[in-house]
C-alpha cells in the first residue's frame, strides 16, 4: 500500500517511505522551511488537483574523500554519490524533497508521489 503525504500536519519535519522500501521523501514545515538544497538545475510547474506549484531540481556538490594511493580510485558510480540530485516541491507551508540521483526515485515514481500528496486544512 502506498503511503500518502499529508501537507496539513503540524509536524515540522517528517520522513515518508511512499513505496515501503528504504527510499524516503522529506517533508519540511514551519521552522524547517528554507533548507539549502544546493544548486538549482531546472524549474517546472506541477499540477496538484486544481493548483499549480513550483518544483525545482537541485544538485548538491559534496567533496569526495582525499585520494589515497593505497586504495583504488572511486568508480564513476561512487562519484555520482557526491553530487546527489533532489526534486523539491514548494507548496504553501511546506517543502517536499524527493531524492532522484543516485538511488532515488524515477520519473514515473515521482509522478506517483505527486498523486499521493494531500493538500488540505489542518
Protein backbone atom coordinates (compact mmCIF):
# COMPACT_ATOMS: atom_id res chain seq x y z
CA UNK A 1 0.00 0.00 0.00
CA UNK A 2 1.30 3.45 -0.90
CA UNK A 3 1.86 5.90 1.96
CA UNK A 4 0.08 9.29 1.49
CA UNK A 5 1.95 12.55 2.12
CA UNK A 6 -0.31 14.89 4.14
CA UNK A 7 0.74 18.53 3.90
CA UNK A 8 -1.63 19.95 6.53
CA UNK A 9 0.03 18.27 9.54
CA UNK A 10 1.70 20.36 12.26
CA UNK A 11 4.88 18.23 12.34
CA UNK A 12 7.89 20.39 11.30
CA UNK A 13 9.92 17.54 9.73
CA UNK A 14 8.75 14.17 8.51
CA UNK A 15 10.33 11.28 6.60
CA UNK A 16 7.98 9.31 4.38
CA UNK A 17 8.52 5.95 2.66
CA UNK A 18 5.95 6.21 -0.15
CA UNK A 19 6.70 2.76 -1.62
CA UNK A 20 7.51 0.93 1.62
CA UNK A 21 11.21 0.47 0.76
CA UNK A 22 14.29 2.23 2.19
CA UNK A 23 13.96 5.27 -0.09
CA UNK A 24 12.34 8.27 1.55
CA UNK A 25 10.92 11.69 0.86
CA UNK A 26 11.25 14.54 3.33
CA UNK A 27 8.52 17.00 4.24
CA UNK A 28 9.58 20.24 5.89
CA UNK A 29 7.10 22.62 7.51
CA UNK A 30 7.22 25.66 9.81
CA UNK A 31 10.68 26.33 11.26
CA UNK A 32 12.22 23.68 8.98
CA UNK A 33 11.36 25.64 5.79
CA UNK A 34 14.14 27.26 3.80
CA UNK A 35 16.60 24.36 3.72
CA UNK A 36 19.53 24.86 1.34
CA UNK A 37 19.17 22.11 -1.20
CA UNK A 38 22.09 23.04 -3.47
CA UNK A 39 22.40 24.45 -6.98
CA UNK A 40 19.15 24.82 -8.92
CA UNK A 41 19.28 22.88 -12.21
CA UNK A 42 15.74 23.00 -13.56
CA UNK A 43 12.38 24.58 -12.66
CA UNK A 44 8.93 23.40 -13.65
CA UNK A 45 5.32 23.77 -12.60
CA UNK A 46 3.43 20.69 -11.43
CA UNK A 47 -0.30 20.22 -11.08
CA UNK A 48 -1.77 19.01 -7.76
CA UNK A 49 -5.52 18.86 -8.10
CA UNK A 50 -6.61 22.24 -9.44
CA UNK A 51 -3.46 24.04 -8.20
CA UNK A 52 -0.05 24.55 -9.82
CA UNK A 53 3.12 24.61 -7.74
CA UNK A 54 6.83 25.15 -8.39
CA UNK A 55 9.16 22.14 -8.40
CA UNK A 56 12.93 22.72 -8.63
CA UNK A 57 15.62 20.09 -9.23
CA UNK A 58 18.70 20.76 -7.12
CA UNK A 59 22.20 19.27 -7.16
CA UNK A 60 24.40 19.28 -4.08
CA UNK A 61 28.15 19.23 -4.59
CA UNK A 62 29.94 17.26 -1.90
CA UNK A 63 33.67 16.64 -1.58
CA UNK A 64 34.80 13.04 -2.05
CA UNK A 65 37.46 11.73 0.31
CA UNK A 66 41.06 12.62 -0.46
CA UNK A 67 42.78 10.25 -2.86
CA UNK A 68 44.80 7.55 -1.17
CA UNK A 69 47.49 5.87 -3.30
CA UNK A 70 46.98 2.62 -1.34
CA UNK A 71 43.32 2.39 -2.39
CA UNK A 72 41.66 2.02 -5.78
CA UNK A 73 40.17 5.25 -7.18
CA UNK A 74 36.45 5.76 -6.75
CA UNK A 75 34.28 4.37 -9.54
CA UNK A 76 32.05 6.64 -11.63
CA UNK A 77 29.04 5.20 -9.76
CA UNK A 78 30.60 6.04 -6.38
CA UNK A 79 31.50 9.55 -7.55
CA UNK A 80 27.84 10.18 -8.51
CA UNK A 81 27.04 9.87 -4.81
CA UNK A 82 28.93 13.11 -4.24
CA UNK A 83 26.56 15.15 -6.45
CA UNK A 84 23.08 13.96 -5.45
CA UNK A 85 20.02 15.43 -7.18
CA UNK A 86 16.72 16.16 -5.45
CA UNK A 87 13.38 17.47 -6.73
CA UNK A 88 11.79 19.88 -4.25
CA UNK A 89 8.12 20.77 -4.48
CA UNK A 90 7.16 24.08 -2.89
CA UNK A 91 3.57 24.25 -1.64
CA UNK A 92 2.13 26.80 0.82
CA UNK A 93 3.56 25.98 4.25
CA UNK A 94 5.69 23.03 3.17
CA UNK A 95 8.60 21.77 1.06
CA UNK A 96 8.63 18.17 -0.16
CA UNK A 97 12.10 16.86 -1.08
CA UNK A 98 12.15 13.85 -3.42
CA UNK A 99 15.65 12.33 -3.93
CA UNK A 100 16.45 11.46 -7.56
CA UNK A 101 20.08 10.53 -8.21
CA UNK A 102 21.74 8.32 -7.13
CA UNK A 103 19.41 5.59 -5.86
CA UNK A 104 16.38 7.85 -5.64
CA UNK A 105 13.02 7.85 -7.39
CA UNK A 106 12.43 7.51 -11.14
CA UNK A 107 10.31 9.90 -13.22
CA UNK A 108 7.34 7.51 -13.02
CA UNK A 109 7.71 7.15 -9.25
CA UNK A 110 7.83 10.94 -8.82
CA UNK A 111 4.54 11.18 -10.72
CA UNK A 112 3.05 8.62 -8.33
CA UNK A 113 4.41 10.54 -5.32
CA UNK A 114 2.77 13.71 -6.61
CA UNK A 115 -0.54 11.83 -6.67
CA UNK A 116 -0.01 10.82 -3.01
CA UNK A 117 0.27 14.43 -1.81
CA UNK A 118 -2.81 15.57 0.09
CA UNK A 119 -3.35 19.31 0.45
CA UNK A 120 -5.96 20.49 2.90
CA UNK A 121 -6.85 22.23 6.14
CA UNK A 122 -5.21 21.33 9.47
